[in-house]
Amino acid sequence: MFKPKPPAKRRRTLFKATATGQMRPLPAVLDAAMSARAISIAILFVVALAAIELTMNEVFYIYDPVVVGNQRVPASEIVTASGIETLHVLWLQPEQAVQALEQKLPEVSSAFIWCGLPADCTIQVLEREPMFEWKQGQTRTWVDAEGVAFPARGQTPSIPEIEIGPEVPALLPGRRVERDLVSTMAGLIRVLPEIKTFRFTTERGVEFADPQGNWPVYVGVGPDVAARVAVWKALAAHLASRNVHPKFVDVRYPRAPFYGR
């Protein structure tokens, strides 16, 4: 009996629809996926090499940054205080470096740091300007208009000097002088530019020597220093007209000045 021959087995081919709607054989899809993976690995390898080069290459480390704006503070001290030398440019945090610089060098009022690649960095500073010199024993300290104390460097510029009594606590760099004393000194410097030496004690405040009679004039500390100076000038003229040579003149209370004989 004749048996029908079974149909030949067909080879089945799997297809995958693409975004365009065309059908692609699965091996081609796998080849494309492997190619994309190889490209990704190659990109990661290149990025890793670039990161290693960026990290290890000496050209990206900060050496000999440029310092501008300094007049009295040496550039080497500014660089050391900033702490940026030998630091990798990508690890630099300018705000923290500026804060460290201003804390270590109170004579620097403000600072700004910027860098360009590979590691060309500049530190720009603004130094404080002394308004008067605080002299206590052999220690010289400068004080600016904000009352901030900082070390005196080099020769004293043409600023007044205030001699401090031994009972007054030492003024350390970075500390601030009391606001009333700063405002008093600012007023005296403005109305008495010819007086270059003052004295301060906790008992009588600020005083200076009368230019004519050389006796002490007590002006104290507080507002209206210009009014107290005006009272002293009027009283000094009155005493000179009477040929009186007092031991002192006290104008700490302008409405009730007096002098000692």
C-alpha atoms as a PDB file:
ATOM      1  CA  MET A   1       0.000   0.000   0.000  1.00  0.00           C
ATOM      2  CA  PHE A   2       1.350   3.280  -1.020  1.00  0.00           C
ATOM      3  CA  LYS A   3       1.969   5.697   1.854  1.00  0.00           C
ATOM      4  CA  PRO A   4       2.143   9.363   1.211  1.00  0.00           C
ATOM      5  CA  LYS A   5       5.563  10.834   1.758  1.00  0.00           C
ATOM      6  CA  PRO A   6       5.573  13.192   4.759  1.00  0.00           C
ATOM      7  CA  PRO A   7       6.302  16.788   3.876  1.00  0.00           C
ATOM      8  CA  ALA A   8       9.886  17.930   4.305  1.00  0.00           C
ATOM      9  CA  LYS A   9      10.590  19.791   7.517  1.00  0.00           C
ATOM     10  CA  ARG A  10      10.899  23.416   6.931  1.00  0.00           C
ATOM     11  CA  ARG A  11      13.715  25.384   8.507  1.00  0.00           C
ATOM     12  CA  ARG A  12      12.179  27.963  10.739  1.00  0.00           C
ATOM     13  CA  THR A  13      13.806  31.426  10.782  1.00  0.00           C
ATOM     14  CA  LEU A  14      13.031  33.784  13.568  1.00  0.00           C
ATOM     15  CA  PHE A  15      12.406  37.365  12.681  1.00  0.00           C
ATOM     16  CA  LYS A  16      12.328  40.554  14.751  1.00  0.00           C
ATOM     17  CA  ALA A  17      10.380  43.623  13.781  1.00  0.00           C
ATOM     18  CA  THR A  18      12.384  46.777  13.502  1.00  0.00           C
ATOM     19  CA  ALA A  19      11.200  50.296  14.187  1.00  0.00           C
ATOM     20  CA  THR A  20      10.482  50.715  10.463  1.00  0.00           C
ATOM     21  CA  GLY A  21       8.266  47.705  10.437  1.00  0.00           C
ATOM     22  CA  GLN A  22      10.747  45.564   8.481  1.00  0.00           C
ATOM     23  CA  MET A  23      11.653  42.148   9.664  1.00  0.00           C
ATOM     24  CA  ARG A  24      15.298  41.330  10.426  1.00  0.00           C
ATOM     25  CA  PRO A  25      16.724  37.944  11.237  1.00  0.00           C
ATOM     26  CA  LEU A  26      17.671  37.446  14.914  1.00  0.00           C
ATOM     27  CA  PRO A  27      21.399  36.904  14.185  1.00  0.00           C
ATOM     28  CA  ALA A  28      21.545  40.385  12.670  1.00  0.00           C
ATOM     29  CA  VAL A  29      19.893  41.816  15.787  1.00  0.00           C
ATOM     30  CA  LEU A  30      22.445  40.073  17.977  1.00  0.00           C
ATOM     31  CA  ASP A  31      25.294  41.328  15.817  1.00  0.00           C
ATOM     32  CA  ALA A  32      23.996  44.912  16.142  1.00  0.00           C
ATOM     33  CA  ALA A  33      23.655  44.575  19.922  1.00  0.00           C
ATOM     34  CA  MET A  34      27.177  43.212  20.223  1.00  0.00           C
ATOM     35  CA  SER A  35      28.511  46.035  18.082  1.00  0.00           C
ATOM     36  CA  ALA A  36      26.762  48.642  20.257  1.00  0.00           C
ATOM     37  CA  ARG A  37      28.153  46.992  23.373  1.00  0.00           C
ATOM     38  CA  ALA A  38      31.645  46.976  21.924  1.00  0.00           C
ATOM     39  CA  ILE A  39      31.337  50.671  21.095  1.00  0.00           C
ATOM     40  CA  SER A  40      30.168  51.404  24.633  1.00  0.00           C
ATOM     41  CA  ILE A  41      33.090  49.476  26.109  1.00  0.00           C
ATOM     42  CA  ALA A  42      35.475  51.339  23.843  1.00  0.00           C
ATOM     43  CA  ILE A  43      34.022  54.683  24.894  1.00  0.00           C
ATOM     44  CA  LEU A  44      34.284  53.751  28.568  1.00  0.00           C
ATOM     45  CA  PHE A  45      37.880  52.683  28.016  1.00  0.00           C
ATOM     46  CA  VAL A  46      38.737  55.991  26.368  1.00  0.00           C
ATOM     47  CA  VAL A  47      36.996  57.921  29.176  1.00  0.00           C
ATOM     48  CA  ALA A  48      38.902  55.902  31.788  1.00  0.00           C
ATOM     49  CA  LEU A  49      42.198  56.618  30.048  1.00  0.00           C
ATOM     50  CA  ALA A  50      41.330  60.316  29.887  1.00  0.00           C
ATOM     51  CA  ALA A  51      40.421  60.339  33.593  1.00  0.00           C
ATOM     52  CA  ILE A  52      43.708  58.651  34.500  1.00  0.00           C
ATOM     53  CA  GLU A  53      45.613  61.130  32.360  1.00  0.00           C
ATOM     54  CA  LEU A  54      43.728  64.050  33.897  1.00  0.00           C
ATOM     55  CA  THR A  55      44.437  62.789  37.410  1.00  0.00           C
ATOM     56  CA  MET A  56      48.059  61.771  37.029  1.00  0.00           C
ATOM     57  CA  ASN A  57      49.442  64.372  34.652  1.00  0.00           C
ATOM     58  CA  GLU A  58      51.520  66.997  36.468  1.00  0.00           C
ATOM     59  CA  VAL A  59      50.281  69.813  34.246  1.00  0.00           C
ATOM     60  CA  PHE A  60      46.938  69.731  36.073  1.00  0.00           C
ATOM     61  CA  TYR A  61      48.523  70.426  39.466  1.00  0.00           C
ATOM     62  CA  ILE A  62      48.850  74.004  40.715  1.00  0.00           C
ATOM     63  CA  TYR A  63      52.383  75.353  40.969  1.00  0.00           C
ATOM     64  CA  ASP A  64      53.549  78.965  41.354  1.00  0.00           C
ATOM     65  CA  PRO A  65      50.161  80.712  41.200  1.00  0.00           C
ATOM     66  CA  VAL A  66      50.274  84.386  40.287  1.00  0.00           C
ATOM     67  CA  VAL A  67      49.516  86.877  43.084  1.00  0.00           C
ATOM     68  CA  VAL A  68      48.222  90.352  42.244  1.00  0.00           C
ATOM     69  CA  GLY A  69      47.100  93.303  44.358  1.00  0.00           C
ATOM     70  CA  ASN A  70      49.531  92.803  47.234  1.00  0.00           C
ATOM     71  CA  GLN A  71      51.587  95.778  48.397  1.00  0.00           C
ATOM     72  CA  ARG A  72      53.034  94.786  51.782  1.00  0.00           C
ATOM     73  CA  VAL A  73      52.311  91.086  52.195  1.00  0.00           C
ATOM     74  CA  PRO A  74      54.790  88.875  50.290  1.00  0.00           C
ATOM     75  CA  ALA A  75      53.296  86.722  47.543  1.00  0.00           C
ATOM     76  CA  SER A  76      54.849  83.596  49.080  1.00  0.00           C
ATOM     77  CA  GLU A  77      52.900  84.126  52.319  1.00  0.00           C
ATOM     78  CA  ILE A  78      49.671  84.613  50.389  1.00  0.00           C
ATOM     79  CA  VAL A  79      50.181  81.408  48.394  1.00  0.00           C
ATOM     80  CA  THR A  80      51.018  79.429  51.545  1.00  0.00           C
ATOM     81  CA  ALA A  81      47.994  80.779  53.422  1.00  0.00           C
ATOM     82  CA  SER A  82      45.660  79.858  50.548  1.00  0.00           C
ATOM     83  CA  GLY A  83      46.839  76.243  50.559  1.00  0.00           C
ATOM     84  CA  ILE A  84      46.267  75.809  46.816  1.00  0.00           C
ATOM     85  CA  GLU A  85      49.830  75.055  45.727  1.00  0.00           C
ATOM     86  CA  THR A  86      50.418  71.399  44.670  1.00  0.00           C
ATOM     87  CA  LEU A  87      46.636  70.906  44.647  1.00  0.00           C
ATOM     88  CA  HIS A  88      44.947  69.331  41.610  1.00  0.00           C
ATOM     89  CA  VAL A  89      43.002  71.980  39.739  1.00  0.00           C
ATOM     90  CA  LEU A  90      39.825  69.849  39.808  1.00  0.00           C
ATOM     91  CA  TRP A  91      40.066  69.485  43.583  1.00  0.00           C
ATOM     92  CA  LEU A  92      40.329  73.222  44.150  1.00  0.00           C
ATOM     93  CA  GLN A  93      37.487  74.843  46.124  1.00  0.00           C
ATOM     94  CA  PRO A  94      38.081  78.586  45.720  1.00  0.00           C
ATOM     95  CA  GLU A  95      35.656  79.635  48.460  1.00  0.00           C
ATOM     96  CA  GLN A  96      37.396  77.509  51.086  1.00  0.00           C
ATOM     97  CA  ALA A  97      40.829  78.656  49.908  1.00  0.00           C
ATOM     98  CA  VAL A  98      39.775  82.314  50.181  1.00  0.00           C
ATOM     99  CA  GLN A  99      38.350  81.737  53.659  1.00  0.00           C
ATOM    100  CA  ALA A 100      41.580  80.095  54.817  1.00  0.00           C
ATOM    101  CA  LEU A 101      43.627  82.935  53.326  1.00  0.00           C
ATOM    102  CA  GLU A 102      41.628  85.659  55.077  1.00  0.00           C
ATOM    103  CA  GLN A 103      41.727  83.823  58.408  1.00  0.00           C
ATOM    104  CA  LYS A 104      45.492  83.304  58.333  1.00  0.00           C
ATOM    105  CA  LEU A 105      46.307  86.782  57.013  1.00  0.00           C
ATOM    106  CA  PRO A 106      44.039  89.376  58.670  1.00  0.00           C
ATOM    107  CA  GLU A 107      45.864  92.109  56.741  1.00  0.00           C
ATOM    108  CA  VAL A 108      44.053  90.836  53.643  1.00  0.00           C
ATOM    109  CA  SER A 109      40.619  92.428  53.454  1.00  0.00           C
ATOM    110  CA  SER A 110      39.312  90.252  50.623  1.00  0.00           C
ATOM    111  CA  ALA A 111      40.599  87.768  48.067  1.00  0.00           C
ATOM    112  CA  PHE A 112      39.498  86.108  44.839  1.00  0.00           C
ATOM    113  CA  ILE A 113      40.922  82.972  43.173  1.00  0.00           C
ATOM    114  CA  TRP A 114      40.355  81.788  39.633  1.00  0.00           C
ATOM    115  CA  CYS A 115      42.067  79.158  37.467  1.00  0.00           C
ATOM    116  CA  GLY A 116      42.317  78.300  33.810  1.00  0.00           C
ATOM    117  CA  LEU A 117      43.294  74.964  32.317  1.00  0.00           C
ATOM    118  CA  PRO A 118      45.499  73.164  32.707  1.00  0.00           C
ATOM    119  CA  ALA A 119      46.350  74.780  36.091  1.00  0.00           C
ATOM    120  CA  ASP A 120      47.057  78.469  35.592  1.00  0.00           C
ATOM    121  CA  CYS A 121      45.789  80.064  38.802  1.00  0.00           C
ATOM    122  CA  THR A 122      45.704  83.670  40.003  1.00  0.00           C
ATOM    123  CA  ILE A 123      45.139  84.975  43.534  1.00  0.00           C
ATOM    124  CA  GLN A 124      43.918  88.566  43.691  1.00  0.00           C
ATOM    125  CA  VAL A 125      43.966  90.257  47.095  1.00  0.00           C
ATOM    126  CA  LEU A 126      42.934  93.571  48.596  1.00  0.00           C
ATOM    127  CA  GLU A 127      44.997  94.576  51.602  1.00  0.00           C
ATOM    128  CA  ARG A 128      43.660  96.534  54.549  1.00  0.00           C
ATOM    129  CA  GLU A 129      44.734 100.146  54.886  1.00  0.00           C
ATOM    130  CA  PRO A 130      45.833 101.163  58.404  1.00  0.00           C
ATOM    131  CA  MET A 131      44.014 104.118  59.970  1.00  0.00           C
ATOM    132  CA  PHE A 132      46.121 104.287  63.116  1.00  0.00           C
ATOM    133  CA  GLU A 133      48.859 102.347  64.858  1.00  0.00           C
ATOM    134  CA  TRP A 134      48.169 100.609  68.176  1.00  0.00           C
ATOM    135  CA  LYS A 135      51.403 100.662  70.170  1.00  0.00           C
ATOM    136  CA  GLN A 136      51.563  98.649  73.365  1.00  0.00           C
ATOM    137  CA  GLY A 137      55.056  98.293  74.775  1.00  0.00           C
ATOM    138  CA  GLN A 138      57.246  97.201  71.880  1.00  0.00           C
ATOM    139  CA  THR A 139      54.361  95.683  69.928  1.00  0.00           C
ATOM    140  CA  ARG A 140      53.078  97.570  66.907  1.00  0.00           C
ATOM    141  CA  THR A 141      49.694  96.686  65.458  1.00  0.00           C
ATOM    142  CA  TRP A 142      47.788  98.444  62.710  1.00  0.00           C
ATOM    143  CA  VAL A 143      44.045  99.046  62.849  1.00  0.00           C
ATOM    144  CA  ASP A 144      41.899  99.838  59.818  1.00  0.00           C
ATOM    145  CA  ALA A 145      38.693 101.872  59.561  1.00  0.00           C
ATOM    146  CA  GLU A 146      36.635  98.778  60.405  1.00  0.00           C
ATOM    147  CA  GLY A 147      38.550  98.274  63.642  1.00  0.00           C
ATOM    148  CA  VAL A 148      40.307  95.110  62.442  1.00  0.00           C
ATOM    149  CA  ALA A 149      43.801  94.646  63.882  1.00  0.00           C
ATOM    150  CA  PHE A 150      46.591  93.250  61.723  1.00  0.00           C
ATOM    151  CA  PRO A 151      50.399  93.051  61.973  1.00  0.00           C
ATOM    152  CA  ALA A 152      52.378  96.187  61.169  1.00  0.00           C
ATOM    153  CA  ARG A 153      54.745  95.530  58.286  1.00  0.00           C
ATOM    154  CA  GLY A 154      57.758  97.673  57.526  1.00  0.00           C
ATOM    155  CA  GLN A 155      57.906 101.378  58.199  1.00  0.00           C
ATOM    156  CA  THR A 156      54.924 103.087  59.763  1.00  0.00           C
ATOM    157  CA  PRO A 157      53.078 105.143  57.162  1.00  0.00           C
ATOM    158  CA  SER A 158      51.895 108.657  57.867  1.00  0.00           C
ATOM    159  CA  ILE A 159      49.210 107.608  60.337  1.00  0.00           C
ATOM    160  CA  PRO A 160      48.613 108.590  63.977  1.00  0.00           C
ATOM    161  CA  GLU A 161      49.877 106.425  66.796  1.00  0.00           C
ATOM    162  CA  ILE A 162      47.953 105.613  69.936  1.00  0.00           C
ATOM    163  CA  GLU A 163      49.945 104.453  72.957  1.00  0.00           C
ATOM    164  CA  ILE A 164      48.048 101.912  75.024  1.00  0.00           C
ATOM    165  CA  GLY A 165      48.237 101.650  78.792  1.00  0.00           C
ATOM    166  CA  PRO A 166      49.599  98.427  80.309  1.00  0.00           C
ATOM    167  CA  GLU A 167      46.253  97.637  81.940  1.00  0.00           C
ATOM    168  CA  VAL A 168      44.585  97.198  78.532  1.00  0.00           C
ATOM    169  CA  PRO A 169      44.503  93.595  77.200  1.00  0.00           C
ATOM    170  CA  ALA A 170      46.815  92.927  74.258  1.00  0.00           C
ATOM    171  CA  LEU A 171      45.291  93.394  70.824  1.00  0.00           C
ATOM    172  CA  LEU A 172      45.872  90.262  68.740  1.00  0.00           C
ATOM    173  CA  PRO A 173      45.862  90.272  64.922  1.00  0.00           C
ATOM    174  CA  GLY A 174      42.430  89.487  63.546  1.00  0.00           C
ATOM    175  CA  ARG A 175      40.618  90.900  66.581  1.00  0.00           C
ATOM    176  CA  ARG A 176      38.518  94.059  66.464  1.00  0.00           C
ATOM    177  CA  VAL A 177      38.917  97.248  68.447  1.00  0.00           C
ATOM    178  CA  GLU A 178      35.774  98.475  70.188  1.00  0.00           C
ATOM    179  CA  ARG A 179      33.572 100.472  67.842  1.00  0.00           C
ATOM    180  CA  ASP A 180      33.412 103.548  70.098  1.00  0.00           C
ATOM    181  CA  LEU A 181      37.185 103.789  70.258  1.00  0.00           C
ATOM    182  CA  VAL A 182      37.495 103.420  66.486  1.00  0.00           C
ATOM    183  CA  SER A 183      34.907 106.135  65.851  1.00  0.00           C
ATOM    184  CA  THR A 184      36.634 108.400  68.397  1.00  0.00           C
ATOM    185  CA  MET A 185      39.986 107.964  66.675  1.00  0.00           C
ATOM    186  CA  ALA A 186      38.422 108.539  63.272  1.00  0.00           C
ATOM    187  CA  GLY A 187      36.904 111.809  64.518  1.00  0.00           C
ATOM    188  CA  LEU A 188      40.166 112.987  66.089  1.00  0.00           C
ATOM    189  CA  ILE A 189      42.125 112.203  62.925  1.00  0.00           C
ATOM    190  CA  ARG A 190      39.604 114.215  60.932  1.00  0.00           C
ATOM    191  CA  VAL A 191      39.531 117.345  63.115  1.00  0.00           C
ATOM    192  CA  LEU A 192      43.123 117.202  64.432  1.00  0.00           C
ATOM    193  CA  PRO A 193      45.284 116.061  61.502  1.00  0.00           C
ATOM    194  CA  GLU A 194      48.317 117.781  63.059  1.00  0.00           C
ATOM    195  CA  ILE A 195      48.234 115.521  66.147  1.00  0.00           C
ATOM    196  CA  LYS A 196      50.138 112.310  65.478  1.00  0.00           C
ATOM    197  CA  THR A 197      50.408 110.825  68.980  1.00  0.00           C
ATOM    198  CA  PHE A 198      47.533 109.863  71.265  1.00  0.00           C
ATOM    199  CA  ARG A 199      47.260 107.823  74.426  1.00  0.00           C
ATOM    200  CA  PHE A 200      44.523 105.504  75.690  1.00  0.00           C
ATOM    201  CA  THR A 201      43.839 104.321  79.233  1.00  0.00           C
ATOM    202  CA  THR A 202      40.806 102.611  80.701  1.00  0.00           C
ATOM    203  CA  GLU A 203      40.528 105.414  83.281  1.00  0.00           C
ATOM    204  CA  ARG A 204      40.341 108.460  81.001  1.00  0.00           C
ATOM    205  CA  GLY A 205      39.953 107.102  77.496  1.00  0.00           C
ATOM    206  CA  VAL A 206      41.810 108.945  74.718  1.00  0.00           C
ATOM    207  CA  GLU A 207      44.109 111.857  75.482  1.00  0.00           C
ATOM    208  CA  PHE A 208      46.768 113.891  73.701  1.00  0.00           C
ATOM    209  CA  ALA A 209      49.274 116.606  74.564  1.00  0.00           C
ATOM    210  CA  ASP A 210      48.327 120.237  73.974  1.00  0.00           C
ATOM    211  CA  PRO A 211      50.620 121.455  71.153  1.00  0.00           C
ATOM    212  CA  GLN A 212      51.255 124.789  72.913  1.00  0.00           C
ATOM    213  CA  GLY A 213      51.399 123.983  76.605  1.00  0.00           C
ATOM    214  CA  ASN A 214      52.219 120.277  76.358  1.00  0.00           C
ATOM    215  CA  TRP A 215      49.701 119.428  79.085  1.00  0.00           C
ATOM    216  CA  PRO A 216      47.389 116.398  78.608  1.00  0.00           C
ATOM    217  CA  VAL A 217      43.948 116.928  77.109  1.00  0.00           C
ATOM    218  CA  TYR A 218      41.412 114.262  78.046  1.00  0.00           C
ATOM    219  CA  VAL A 219      38.753 113.731  75.374  1.00  0.00           C
ATOM    220  CA  GLY A 220      37.533 110.303  76.460  1.00  0.00           C
ATOM    221  CA  VAL A 221      35.677 107.918  74.175  1.00  0.00           C
ATOM    222  CA  GLY A 222      32.302 108.351  72.540  1.00  0.00           C
ATOM    223  CA  PRO A 223      30.311 110.465  70.106  1.00  0.00           C
ATOM    224  CA  ASP A 224      30.610 114.210  69.514  1.00  0.00           C
ATOM    225  CA  VAL A 225      34.393 114.167  69.595  1.00  0.00           C
ATOM    226  CA  ALA A 226      34.429 117.194  67.282  1.00  0.00           C
ATOM    227  CA  ALA A 227      32.409 119.150  69.870  1.00  0.00           C
ATOM    228  CA  ARG A 228      34.836 118.181  72.620  1.00  0.00           C
ATOM    229  CA  VAL A 229      37.792 119.307  70.507  1.00  0.00           C
ATOM    230  CA  ALA A 230      36.039 122.620  69.860  1.00  0.00           C
ATOM    231  CA  VAL A 231      35.554 123.103  73.609  1.00  0.00           C
ATOM    232  CA  TRP A 232      39.226 122.349  74.221  1.00  0.00           C
ATOM    233  CA  LYS A 233      40.337 124.903  71.631  1.00  0.00           C
ATOM    234  CA  ALA A 234      38.121 127.599  73.180  1.00  0.00           C
ATOM    235  CA  LEU A 235      39.270 126.765  76.702  1.00  0.00           C
ATOM    236  CA  ALA A 236      42.941 126.669  75.646  1.00  0.00           C
ATOM    237  CA  ALA A 237      42.625 130.132  74.093  1.00  0.00           C
ATOM    238  CA  HIS A 238      40.981 131.430  77.262  1.00  0.00           C
ATOM    239  CA  LEU A 239      43.727 129.993  79.483  1.00  0.00           C
ATOM    240  CA  ALA A 240      46.458 131.379  77.245  1.00  0.00           C
ATOM    241  CA  SER A 241      44.922 134.852  77.419  1.00  0.00           C
ATOM    242  CA  ARG A 242      45.087 134.656  81.213  1.00  0.00           C
ATOM    243  CA  ASN A 243      48.591 133.157  81.134  1.00  0.00           C
ATOM    244  CA  VAL A 244      47.329 130.050  82.965  1.00  0.00           C
ATOM    245  CA  HIS A 245      49.314 126.836  82.608  1.00  0.00           C
ATOM    246  CA  PRO A 246      47.082 123.981  83.777  1.00  0.00           C
ATOM    247  CA  LYS A 247      48.216 120.502  84.684  1.00  0.00           C
ATOM    248  CA  PHE A 248      45.521 119.049  82.439  1.00  0.00           C
ATOM    249  CA  VAL A 249      42.357 119.943  80.547  1.00  0.00           C
ATOM    250  CA  ASP A 250      39.368 117.614  80.711  1.00  0.00           C
ATOM    251  CA  VAL A 251      36.700 117.939  77.999  1.00  0.00           C
ATOM    252  CA  ARG A 252      35.217 114.460  78.270  1.00  0.00           C
ATOM    253  CA  TYR A 253      31.966 116.182  79.212  1.00  0.00           C
ATOM    254  CA  PRO A 254      31.677 119.140  76.814  1.00  0.00           C
ATOM    255  CA  ARG A 255      28.988 120.870  78.864  1.00  0.00           C
ATOM    256  CA  ALA A 256      31.142 120.787  81.993  1.00  0.00           C
ATOM    257  CA  PRO A 257      34.811 121.097  81.010  1.00  0.00           C
ATOM    258  CA  PHE A 258      37.398 121.763  83.659  1.00  0.00           C
ATOM    259  CA  TYR A 259      41.139 121.972  84.134  1.00  0.00           C
ATOM    260  CA  GLY A 260      43.550 121.224  86.938  1.00  0.00           C
ATOM    261  CA  ARG A 261      46.139 123.566  88.426  1.00  0.00           C
END
